[in-house]
Amino acid sequence: IDQLQGQRCSYVYIANNTFNTPSGVDGIDFTSPRHSIFENNTFNGGS
């Protein structure tokens, strides 16, 4: 459904990952992450 899913997570650091995803699959799906950093991630296909 999702490759990396987060629900109600805070102080998250997601960085320098590669997500090879087909159409319709989310690489990262976080719901309202607080005080979090997402950086330098590469997406091939999904989002």
All heavy atoms as atom14 arrays in JSON, in Angstrom:
{
  "sequence": "IDQLQGQRCSYVYIANNTFNTPSGVDGIDFTSPRHSIFENNTFNGGS",
  "atom14_mask": [
    [1, 1, 1, 1, 1, 1, 1, 1, 0, 0, 0, 0, 0, 0],
    [1, 1, 1, 1, 1, 1, 1, 1, 0, 0, 0, 0, 0, 0],
    [1, 1, 1, 1, 1, 1, 1, 1, 1, 0, 0, 0, 0, 0],
    [1, 1, 1, 1, 1, 1, 1, 1, 0, 0, 0, 0, 0, 0],
    [1, 1, 1, 1, 1, 1, 1, 1, 1, 0, 0, 0, 0, 0],
    [1, 1, 1, 1, 0, 0, 0, 0, 0, 0, 0, 0, 0, 0],
    [1, 1, 1, 1, 1, 1, 1, 1, 1, 0, 0, 0, 0, 0],
    [1, 1, 1, 1, 1, 1, 1, 1, 1, 1, 1, 0, 0, 0],
    [1, 1, 1, 1, 1, 1, 0, 0, 0, 0, 0, 0, 0, 0],
    [1, 1, 1, 1, 1, 1, 0, 0, 0, 0, 0, 0, 0, 0],
    [1, 1, 1, 1, 1, 1, 1, 1, 1, 1, 1, 1, 0, 0],
    [1, 1, 1, 1, 1, 1, 1, 0, 0, 0, 0, 0, 0, 0],
    [1, 1, 1, 1, 1, 1, 1, 1, 1, 1, 1, 1, 0, 0],
    [1, 1, 1, 1, 1, 1, 1, 1, 0, 0, 0, 0, 0, 0],
    [1, 1, 1, 1, 1, 0, 0, 0, 0, 0, 0, 0, 0, 0],
    [1, 1, 1, 1, 1, 1, 1, 1, 0, 0, 0, 0, 0, 0],
    [1, 1, 1, 1, 1, 1, 1, 1, 0, 0, 0, 0, 0, 0],
    [1, 1, 1, 1, 1, 1, 1, 0, 0, 0, 0, 0, 0, 0],
    [1, 1, 1, 1, 1, 1, 1, 1, 1, 1, 1, 0, 0, 0],
    [1, 1, 1, 1, 1, 1, 1, 1, 0, 0, 0, 0, 0, 0],
    [1, 1, 1, 1, 1, 1, 1, 0, 0, 0, 0, 0, 0, 0],
    [1, 1, 1, 1, 1, 1, 1, 0, 0, 0, 0, 0, 0, 0],
    [1, 1, 1, 1, 1, 1, 0, 0, 0, 0, 0, 0, 0, 0],
    [1, 1, 1, 1, 0, 0, 0, 0, 0, 0, 0, 0, 0, 0],
    [1, 1, 1, 1, 1, 1, 1, 0, 0, 0, 0, 0, 0, 0],
    [1, 1, 1, 1, 1, 1, 1, 1, 0, 0, 0, 0, 0, 0],
    [1, 1, 1, 1, 0, 0, 0, 0, 0, 0, 0, 0, 0, 0],
    [1, 1, 1, 1, 1, 1, 1, 1, 0, 0, 0, 0, 0, 0],
    [1, 1, 1, 1, 1, 1, 1, 1, 0, 0, 0, 0, 0, 0],
    [1, 1, 1, 1, 1, 1, 1, 1, 1, 1, 1, 0, 0, 0],
    [1, 1, 1, 1, 1, 1, 1, 0, 0, 0, 0, 0, 0, 0],
    [1, 1, 1, 1, 1, 1, 0, 0, 0, 0, 0, 0, 0, 0],
    [1, 1, 1, 1, 1, 1, 1, 0, 0, 0, 0, 0, 0, 0],
    [1, 1, 1, 1, 1, 1, 1, 1, 1, 1, 1, 0, 0, 0],
    [1, 1, 1, 1, 1, 1, 1, 1, 1, 1, 0, 0, 0, 0],
    [1, 1, 1, 1, 1, 1, 0, 0, 0, 0, 0, 0, 0, 0],
    [1, 1, 1, 1, 1, 1, 1, 1, 0, 0, 0, 0, 0, 0],
    [1, 1, 1, 1, 1, 1, 1, 1, 1, 1, 1, 0, 0, 0],
    [1, 1, 1, 1, 1, 1, 1, 1, 1, 0, 0, 0, 0, 0],
    [1, 1, 1, 1, 1, 1, 1, 1, 0, 0, 0, 0, 0, 0],
    [1, 1, 1, 1, 1, 1, 1, 1, 0, 0, 0, 0, 0, 0],
    [1, 1, 1, 1, 1, 1, 1, 0, 0, 0, 0, 0, 0, 0],
    [1, 1, 1, 1, 1, 1, 1, 1, 1, 1, 1, 0, 0, 0],
    [1, 1, 1, 1, 1, 1, 1, 1, 0, 0, 0, 0, 0, 0],
    [1, 1, 1, 1, 0, 0, 0, 0, 0, 0, 0, 0, 0, 0],
    [1, 1, 1, 1, 0, 0, 0, 0, 0, 0, 0, 0, 0, 0],
    [1, 1, 1, 1, 1, 1, 0, 0, 0, 0, 0, 0, 0, 0]
  ],
  "atom14_positions": [
    [[0.86, -1.2, 0.0], [0.0, 0.0, 0.0], [0.89, 1.24, 0.0], [0.73, 2.15, -0.82], [-0.93, -0.01, 1.23], [-1.83, -1.26, 1.2], [-1.76, 1.26, 1.28], [-2.59, -1.48, 2.49], [0.0, 0.0, 0.0], [0.0, 0.0, 0.0], [0.0, 0.0, 0.0], [0.0, 0.0, 0.0], [0.0, 0.0, 0.0], [0.0, 0.0, 0.0]],
    [[1.78, 1.3, 0.96], [2.81, 2.34, 1.03], [4.12, 1.66, 1.37], [4.15, 0.64, 2.07], [2.51, 3.37, 2.13], [1.21, 4.13, 1.9], [0.99, 4.57, 0.76], [0.45, 4.28, 2.87], [0.0, 0.0, 0.0], [0.0, 0.0, 0.0], [0.0, 0.0, 0.0], [0.0, 0.0, 0.0], [0.0, 0.0, 0.0], [0.0, 0.0, 0.0]],
    [[5.21, 2.26, 0.94], [6.49, 1.71, 1.34], [6.84, 2.14, 2.77], [7.13, 1.29, 3.61], [7.57, 2.13, 0.34], [7.39, 1.45, -1.02], [8.46, 1.82, -2.01], [9.03, 2.9, -1.97], [8.72, 0.92, -2.96], [0.0, 0.0, 0.0], [0.0, 0.0, 0.0], [0.0, 0.0, 0.0], [0.0, 0.0, 0.0], [0.0, 0.0, 0.0]],
    [[6.82, 3.41, 3.04], [7.12, 3.91, 4.38], [5.93, 4.72, 4.87], [5.67, 5.81, 4.37], [8.39, 4.77, 4.35], [8.82, 5.44, 5.66], [9.02, 4.42, 6.77], [10.09, 6.25, 5.43], [0.0, 0.0, 0.0], [0.0, 0.0, 0.0], [0.0, 0.0, 0.0], [0.0, 0.0, 0.0], [0.0, 0.0, 0.0], [0.0, 0.0, 0.0]],
    [[5.2, 4.18, 5.83], [4.01, 4.87, 6.33], [4.18, 5.23, 7.8], [4.66, 4.42, 8.6], [2.75, 4.02, 6.19], [1.5, 4.82, 6.59], [0.22, 4.01, 6.57], [-0.1, 3.35, 7.55], [-0.5, 4.08, 5.47], [0.0, 0.0, 0.0], [0.0, 0.0, 0.0], [0.0, 0.0, 0.0], [0.0, 0.0, 0.0], [0.0, 0.0, 0.0]],
    [[3.76, 6.46, 8.14], [3.81, 6.91, 9.52], [2.5, 7.55, 9.93], [1.91, 8.32, 9.17], [0.0, 0.0, 0.0], [0.0, 0.0, 0.0], [0.0, 0.0, 0.0], [0.0, 0.0, 0.0], [0.0, 0.0, 0.0], [0.0, 0.0, 0.0], [0.0, 0.0, 0.0], [0.0, 0.0, 0.0], [0.0, 0.0, 0.0], [0.0, 0.0, 0.0]],
    [[2.04, 7.24, 11.12], [0.81, 7.81, 11.67], [1.12, 8.4, 13.05], [1.66, 7.72, 13.92], [-0.26, 6.73, 11.8], [-0.55, 5.98, 10.5], [-1.3, 4.68, 10.75], [-1.64, 4.34, 11.87], [-1.55, 3.94, 9.69], [0.0, 0.0, 0.0], [0.0, 0.0, 0.0], [0.0, 0.0, 0.0], [0.0, 0.0, 0.0], [0.0, 0.0, 0.0]],
    [[0.79, 9.7, 13.21], [0.95, 10.37, 14.5], [2.39, 10.26, 15.04], [2.61, 10.0, 16.22], [-0.04, 9.8, 15.52], [-1.51, 9.95, 15.11], [-2.45, 9.36, 16.13], [-2.21, 7.94, 16.32], [-2.65, 6.99, 15.49], [-3.37, 7.32, 14.42], [-2.41, 5.72, 15.72], [0.0, 0.0, 0.0], [0.0, 0.0, 0.0], [0.0, 0.0, 0.0]],
    [[3.35, 10.46, 14.16], [4.76, 10.4, 14.55], [5.34, 11.81, 14.63], [4.96, 12.68, 13.86], [5.55, 9.57, 13.54], [5.04, 7.83, 13.44], [0.0, 0.0, 0.0], [0.0, 0.0, 0.0], [0.0, 0.0, 0.0], [0.0, 0.0, 0.0], [0.0, 0.0, 0.0], [0.0, 0.0, 0.0], [0.0, 0.0, 0.0], [0.0, 0.0, 0.0]],
    [[6.27, 12.01, 15.53], [6.9, 13.32, 15.68], [8.42, 13.16, 15.8], [8.92, 12.09, 16.11], [6.36, 14.03, 16.92], [6.56, 13.23, 18.09], [0.0, 0.0, 0.0], [0.0, 0.0, 0.0], [0.0, 0.0, 0.0], [0.0, 0.0, 0.0], [0.0, 0.0, 0.0], [0.0, 0.0, 0.0], [0.0, 0.0, 0.0], [0.0, 0.0, 0.0]],
    [[9.13, 14.26, 15.51], [10.59, 14.27, 15.55], [11.15, 13.14, 14.67], [11.99, 12.34, 15.09], [11.1, 14.15, 16.99], [10.64, 15.29, 17.86], [9.52, 15.16, 18.69], [11.29, 16.53, 17.82], [9.07, 16.21, 19.45], [10.85, 17.59, 18.6], [9.74, 17.42, 19.42], [9.29, 18.47, 20.18], [0.0, 0.0, 0.0], [0.0, 0.0, 0.0]],
    [[10.67, 13.12, 13.45], [11.06, 12.1, 12.48], [12.18, 12.64, 11.61], [12.16, 13.81, 11.21], [9.83, 11.72, 11.61], [10.26, 10.84, 10.44], [8.78, 11.03, 12.46], [0.0, 0.0, 0.0], [0.0, 0.0, 0.0], [0.0, 0.0, 0.0], [0.0, 0.0, 0.0], [0.0, 0.0, 0.0], [0.0, 0.0, 0.0], [0.0, 0.0, 0.0]],
    [[13.14, 11.78, 11.28], [14.19, 12.16, 10.33], [14.27, 11.08, 9.26], [14.68, 9.94, 9.51], [15.53, 12.3, 11.04], [16.64, 12.78, 10.12], [16.54, 14.01, 9.48], [17.77, 12.0, 9.91], [17.55, 14.47, 8.64], [18.79, 12.46, 9.07], [18.67, 13.68, 8.44], [19.66, 14.13, 7.6], [0.0, 0.0, 0.0], [0.0, 0.0, 0.0]],
    [[13.86, 11.46, 8.04], [13.85, 10.55, 6.9], [14.74, 11.17, 5.83], [14.41, 12.21, 5.25], [12.43, 10.36, 6.33], [11.44, 9.99, 7.44], [12.44, 9.32, 5.22], [11.69, 8.67, 8.1], [0.0, 0.0, 0.0], [0.0, 0.0, 0.0], [0.0, 0.0, 0.0], [0.0, 0.0, 0.0], [0.0, 0.0, 0.0], [0.0, 0.0, 0.0]],
    [[15.89, 10.55, 5.54], [16.85, 11.23, 4.66], [17.69, 10.23, 3.86], [17.99, 9.12, 4.32], [17.76, 12.13, 5.47], [0.0, 0.0, 0.0], [0.0, 0.0, 0.0], [0.0, 0.0, 0.0], [0.0, 0.0, 0.0], [0.0, 0.0, 0.0], [0.0, 0.0, 0.0], [0.0, 0.0, 0.0], [0.0, 0.0, 0.0], [0.0, 0.0, 0.0]],
    [[18.03, 10.66, 2.65], [18.99, 9.95, 1.8], [18.54, 8.53, 1.45], [19.36, 7.62, 1.3], [20.37, 9.89, 2.49], [20.89, 11.27, 2.82], [20.87, 12.17, 1.99], [21.32, 11.45, 4.06], [0.0, 0.0, 0.0], [0.0, 0.0, 0.0], [0.0, 0.0, 0.0], [0.0, 0.0, 0.0], [0.0, 0.0, 0.0], [0.0, 0.0, 0.0]],
    [[17.23, 8.37, 1.33], [16.67, 7.08, 0.93], [16.28, 7.1, -0.55], [16.04, 8.15, -1.13], [15.43, 6.75, 1.77], [15.73, 6.74, 3.25], [16.41, 5.86, 3.75], [15.2, 7.74, 3.97], [0.0, 0.0, 0.0], [0.0, 0.0, 0.0], [0.0, 0.0, 0.0], [0.0, 0.0, 0.0], [0.0, 0.0, 0.0], [0.0, 0.0, 0.0]],
    [[16.18, 5.9, -1.13], [15.71, 5.76, -2.5], [14.44, 4.94, -2.5], [14.4, 3.83, -1.94], [16.76, 5.07, -3.38], [17.95, 5.88, -3.4], [16.25, 4.9, -4.81], [0.0, 0.0, 0.0], [0.0, 0.0, 0.0], [0.0, 0.0, 0.0], [0.0, 0.0, 0.0], [0.0, 0.0, 0.0], [0.0, 0.0, 0.0], [0.0, 0.0, 0.0]],
    [[13.38, 5.5, -3.11], [12.08, 4.83, -3.18], [11.79, 4.47, -4.63], [11.53, 5.34, -5.46], [10.99, 5.74, -2.62], [11.16, 6.06, -1.16], [11.95, 7.14, -0.75], [10.56, 5.27, -0.19], [12.11, 7.43, 0.59], [10.72, 5.56, 1.16], [11.5, 6.64, 1.55], [0.0, 0.0, 0.0], [0.0, 0.0, 0.0], [0.0, 0.0, 0.0]],
    [[11.85, 3.19, -4.93], [11.54, 2.69, -6.27], [10.11, 2.17, -6.25], [9.84, 1.05, -5.79], [12.52, 1.59, -6.67], [13.94, 2.11, -6.74], [14.2, 3.15, -7.33], [14.87, 1.4, -6.12], [0.0, 0.0, 0.0], [0.0, 0.0, 0.0], [0.0, 0.0, 0.0], [0.0, 0.0, 0.0], [0.0, 0.0, 0.0], [0.0, 0.0, 0.0]],
    [[9.18, 3.0, -6.7], [7.77, 2.69, -6.53], [7.04, 2.66, -7.86], [7.24, 3.52, -8.71], [7.09, 3.74, -5.64], [7.31, 5.03, -6.2], [7.66, 3.71, -4.23], [0.0, 0.0, 0.0], [0.0, 0.0, 0.0], [0.0, 0.0, 0.0], [0.0, 0.0, 0.0], [0.0, 0.0, 0.0], [0.0, 0.0, 0.0], [0.0, 0.0, 0.0]],
    [[6.14, 1.69, -8.04], [5.31, 1.68, -9.24], [4.18, 2.7, -9.11], [3.94, 3.25, -8.03], [4.76, 0.25, -9.27], [4.7, -0.14, -7.83], [5.87, 0.53, -7.17], [0.0, 0.0, 0.0], [0.0, 0.0, 0.0], [0.0, 0.0, 0.0], [0.0, 0.0, 0.0], [0.0, 0.0, 0.0], [0.0, 0.0, 0.0], [0.0, 0.0, 0.0]],
    [[3.48, 2.93, -10.18], [2.34, 3.84, -10.15], [1.31, 3.37, -9.13], [0.99, 2.19, -9.05], [1.7, 3.91, -11.54], [0.57, 4.74, -11.52], [0.0, 0.0, 0.0], [0.0, 0.0, 0.0], [0.0, 0.0, 0.0], [0.0, 0.0, 0.0], [0.0, 0.0, 0.0], [0.0, 0.0, 0.0], [0.0, 0.0, 0.0], [0.0, 0.0, 0.0]],
    [[0.82, 4.3, -8.31], [-0.2, 3.96, -7.33], [0.33, 3.61, -5.96], [-0.45, 3.42, -5.02], [0.0, 0.0, 0.0], [0.0, 0.0, 0.0], [0.0, 0.0, 0.0], [0.0, 0.0, 0.0], [0.0, 0.0, 0.0], [0.0, 0.0, 0.0], [0.0, 0.0, 0.0], [0.0, 0.0, 0.0], [0.0, 0.0, 0.0], [0.0, 0.0, 0.0]],
    [[1.63, 3.51, -5.81], [2.24, 3.2, -4.52], [3.01, 4.43, -4.03], [3.79, 5.01, -4.78], [3.19, 1.99, -4.62], [3.95, 1.78, -3.31], [2.41, 0.73, -4.97], [0.0, 0.0, 0.0], [0.0, 0.0, 0.0], [0.0, 0.0, 0.0], [0.0, 0.0, 0.0], [0.0, 0.0, 0.0], [0.0, 0.0, 0.0], [0.0, 0.0, 0.0]],
    [[2.77, 4.83, -2.78], [3.49, 5.96, -2.21], [4.79, 5.49, -1.58], [4.81, 4.51, -0.83], [2.65, 6.65, -1.15], [1.51, 7.47, -1.75], [1.65, 7.89, -2.9], [0.5, 7.66, -1.06], [0.0, 0.0, 0.0], [0.0, 0.0, 0.0], [0.0, 0.0, 0.0], [0.0, 0.0, 0.0], [0.0, 0.0, 0.0], [0.0, 0.0, 0.0]],
    [[5.85, 6.22, -1.86], [7.11, 5.93, -1.19], [7.05, 6.34, 0.26], [7.36, 5.55, 1.16], [0.0, 0.0, 0.0], [0.0, 0.0, 0.0], [0.0, 0.0, 0.0], [0.0, 0.0, 0.0], [0.0, 0.0, 0.0], [0.0, 0.0, 0.0], [0.0, 0.0, 0.0], [0.0, 0.0, 0.0], [0.0, 0.0, 0.0], [0.0, 0.0, 0.0]],
    [[6.63, 7.57, 0.52], [6.48, 8.08, 1.89], [5.05, 8.56, 2.07], [4.54, 9.35, 1.27], [7.43, 9.25, 2.17], [8.9, 8.81, 2.02], [7.2, 9.82, 3.56], [9.9, 9.94, 2.19], [0.0, 0.0, 0.0], [0.0, 0.0, 0.0], [0.0, 0.0, 0.0], [0.0, 0.0, 0.0], [0.0, 0.0, 0.0], [0.0, 0.0, 0.0]],
    [[4.4, 8.09, 3.12], [3.04, 8.53, 3.45], [2.96, 8.73, 4.96], [2.7, 7.79, 5.71], [2.02, 7.49, 2.98], [0.58, 7.96, 3.23], [0.4, 9.13, 3.64], [-0.35, 7.15, 3.03], [0.0, 0.0, 0.0], [0.0, 0.0, 0.0], [0.0, 0.0, 0.0], [0.0, 0.0, 0.0], [0.0, 0.0, 0.0], [0.0, 0.0, 0.0]],
    [[3.22, 9.97, 5.4], [3.17, 10.3, 6.82], [2.01, 11.25, 7.08], [1.86, 12.25, 6.38], [4.48, 10.94, 7.29], [5.49, 9.96, 7.8], [6.1, 9.08, 6.93], [5.82, 9.89, 9.14], [7.03, 8.16, 7.37], [6.74, 8.98, 9.61], [7.35, 8.11, 8.72], [0.0, 0.0, 0.0], [0.0, 0.0, 0.0], [0.0, 0.0, 0.0]],
    [[1.2, 10.94, 8.06], [0.06, 11.77, 8.43], [0.47, 12.77, 9.51], [0.8, 12.38, 10.63], [-1.1, 10.91, 8.96], [-1.44, 9.93, 7.97], [-2.31, 11.76, 9.29], [0.0, 0.0, 0.0], [0.0, 0.0, 0.0], [0.0, 0.0, 0.0], [0.0, 0.0, 0.0], [0.0, 0.0, 0.0], [0.0, 0.0, 0.0], [0.0, 0.0, 0.0]],
    [[0.51, 14.05, 9.14], [0.79, 15.15, 10.08], [2.01, 14.91, 10.95], [1.92, 14.95, 12.19], [-0.44, 15.39, 10.97], [-1.57, 15.67, 10.19], [0.0, 0.0, 0.0], [0.0, 0.0, 0.0], [0.0, 0.0, 0.0], [0.0, 0.0, 0.0], [0.0, 0.0, 0.0], [0.0, 0.0, 0.0], [0.0, 0.0, 0.0], [0.0, 0.0, 0.0]],
    [[3.16, 14.66, 10.35], [4.36, 14.51, 11.19], [4.76, 15.86, 11.78], [4.79, 16.88, 11.08], [5.41, 14.01, 10.19], [4.95, 14.57, 8.89], [3.45, 14.57, 8.92], [0.0, 0.0, 0.0], [0.0, 0.0, 0.0], [0.0, 0.0, 0.0], [0.0, 0.0, 0.0], [0.0, 0.0, 0.0], [0.0, 0.0, 0.0], [0.0, 0.0, 0.0]],
    [[5.06, 15.89, 13.04], [5.41, 17.13, 13.72], [6.92, 17.19, 13.97], [7.54, 16.2, 14.31], [4.66, 17.24, 15.05], [3.14, 17.33, 14.9], [2.49, 17.41, 16.27], [2.78, 16.22, 17.05], [2.75, 16.18, 18.39], [2.48, 17.27, 19.07], [3.0, 15.05, 19.03], [0.0, 0.0, 0.0], [0.0, 0.0, 0.0], [0.0, 0.0, 0.0]],
    [[7.46, 18.4, 13.82], [8.88, 18.63, 14.1], [9.76, 17.61, 13.38], [10.66, 17.0, 13.98], [9.14, 18.56, 15.62], [8.17, 19.34, 16.44], [8.09, 20.72, 16.4], [7.21, 18.94, 17.32], [7.15, 21.13, 17.23], [6.59, 20.08, 17.79], [0.0, 0.0, 0.0], [0.0, 0.0, 0.0], [0.0, 0.0, 0.0], [0.0, 0.0, 0.0]],
    [[9.51, 17.44, 12.11], [10.17, 16.38, 11.36], [10.93, 16.92, 10.15], [10.61, 18.0, 9.63], [9.14, 15.34, 10.9], [8.52, 14.73, 12.03], [0.0, 0.0, 0.0], [0.0, 0.0, 0.0], [0.0, 0.0, 0.0], [0.0, 0.0, 0.0], [0.0, 0.0, 0.0], [0.0, 0.0, 0.0], [0.0, 0.0, 0.0], [0.0, 0.0, 0.0]],
    [[11.9, 16.17, 9.69], [12.71, 16.55, 8.55], [12.7, 15.41, 7.53], [12.99, 14.25, 7.86], [14.16, 16.86, 8.97], [14.2, 18.06, 9.93], [15.04, 17.12, 7.74], [15.57, 18.32, 10.52], [0.0, 0.0, 0.0], [0.0, 0.0, 0.0], [0.0, 0.0, 0.0], [0.0, 0.0, 0.0], [0.0, 0.0, 0.0], [0.0, 0.0, 0.0]],
    [[12.36, 15.77, 6.3], [12.43, 14.84, 5.17], [13.34, 15.5, 4.14], [13.0, 16.56, 3.6], [11.04, 14.61, 4.56], [10.05, 13.98, 5.52], [9.41, 14.74, 6.48], [9.78, 12.61, 5.45], [8.49, 14.16, 7.36], [8.87, 12.03, 6.31], [8.22, 12.8, 7.28], [0.0, 0.0, 0.0], [0.0, 0.0, 0.0], [0.0, 0.0, 0.0]],
    [[14.49, 14.89, 3.85], [15.41, 15.56, 2.94], [16.24, 14.56, 2.14], [16.53, 13.44, 2.57], [16.35, 16.5, 3.72], [17.25, 15.81, 4.73], [18.13, 16.79, 5.48], [17.94, 18.01, 5.32], [19.01, 16.33, 6.26], [0.0, 0.0, 0.0], [0.0, 0.0, 0.0], [0.0, 0.0, 0.0], [0.0, 0.0, 0.0], [0.0, 0.0, 0.0]],
    [[16.58, 14.99, 0.93], [17.5, 14.25, 0.06], [17.02, 12.82, -0.24], [17.83, 11.9, -0.38], [18.91, 14.2, 0.67], [19.5, 15.57, 0.88], [19.3, 16.48, 0.08], [20.22, 15.74, 1.97], [0.0, 0.0, 0.0], [0.0, 0.0, 0.0], [0.0, 0.0, 0.0], [0.0, 0.0, 0.0], [0.0, 0.0, 0.0], [0.0, 0.0, 0.0]],
    [[15.71, 12.65, -0.32], [15.18, 11.35, -0.72], [14.92, 11.33, -2.22], [14.53, 12.34, -2.82], [13.88, 11.07, 0.04], [14.11, 10.98, 1.53], [14.77, 10.07, 2.02], [13.56, 11.94, 2.28], [0.0, 0.0, 0.0], [0.0, 0.0, 0.0], [0.0, 0.0, 0.0], [0.0, 0.0, 0.0], [0.0, 0.0, 0.0], [0.0, 0.0, 0.0]],
    [[15.14, 10.2, -2.84], [14.96, 10.04, -4.29], [13.76, 9.16, -4.57], [13.62, 8.08, -3.97], [16.22, 9.41, -4.92], [17.34, 10.25, -4.66], [16.05, 9.24, -6.43], [0.0, 0.0, 0.0], [0.0, 0.0, 0.0], [0.0, 0.0, 0.0], [0.0, 0.0, 0.0], [0.0, 0.0, 0.0], [0.0, 0.0, 0.0], [0.0, 0.0, 0.0]],
    [[12.89, 9.63, -5.48], [11.67, 8.89, -5.82], [11.72, 8.5, -7.29], [11.85, 9.35, -8.16], [10.44, 9.73, -5.53], [10.3, 10.12, -4.08], [10.85, 11.3, -3.6], [9.62, 9.29, -3.2], [10.74, 11.64, -2.27], [9.51, 9.63, -1.85], [10.06, 10.8, -1.39], [0.0, 0.0, 0.0], [0.0, 0.0, 0.0], [0.0, 0.0, 0.0]],
    [[11.58, 7.23, -7.53], [11.52, 6.72, -8.89], [10.16, 6.06, -9.12], [9.97, 4.9, -8.78], [12.64, 5.7, -9.13], [14.01, 6.31, -8.95], [14.27, 7.41, -9.43], [14.89, 5.62, -8.24], [0.0, 0.0, 0.0], [0.0, 0.0, 0.0], [0.0, 0.0, 0.0], [0.0, 0.0, 0.0], [0.0, 0.0, 0.0], [0.0, 0.0, 0.0]],
    [[9.19, 6.83, -9.58], [7.87, 6.3, -9.88], [6.78, 6.9, -9.02], [5.94, 7.64, -9.5], [0.0, 0.0, 0.0], [0.0, 0.0, 0.0], [0.0, 0.0, 0.0], [0.0, 0.0, 0.0], [0.0, 0.0, 0.0], [0.0, 0.0, 0.0], [0.0, 0.0, 0.0], [0.0, 0.0, 0.0], [0.0, 0.0, 0.0], [0.0, 0.0, 0.0]],
    [[6.78, 6.62, -7.71], [5.71, 7.1, -6.83], [6.05, 8.43, -6.22], [6.7, 9.26, -6.83], [0.0, 0.0, 0.0], [0.0, 0.0, 0.0], [0.0, 0.0, 0.0], [0.0, 0.0, 0.0], [0.0, 0.0, 0.0], [0.0, 0.0, 0.0], [0.0, 0.0, 0.0], [0.0, 0.0, 0.0], [0.0, 0.0, 0.0], [0.0, 0.0, 0.0]],
    [[5.6, 8.61, -4.96], [5.84, 9.91, -4.32], [6.11, 9.74, -2.84], [5.99, 8.66, -2.3], [4.59, 10.79, -4.51], [3.45, 10.18, -3.94], [0.0, 0.0, 0.0], [0.0, 0.0, 0.0], [0.0, 0.0, 0.0], [0.0, 0.0, 0.0], [0.0, 0.0, 0.0], [0.0, 0.0, 0.0], [0.0, 0.0, 0.0], [0.0, 0.0, 0.0]]
  ]
}
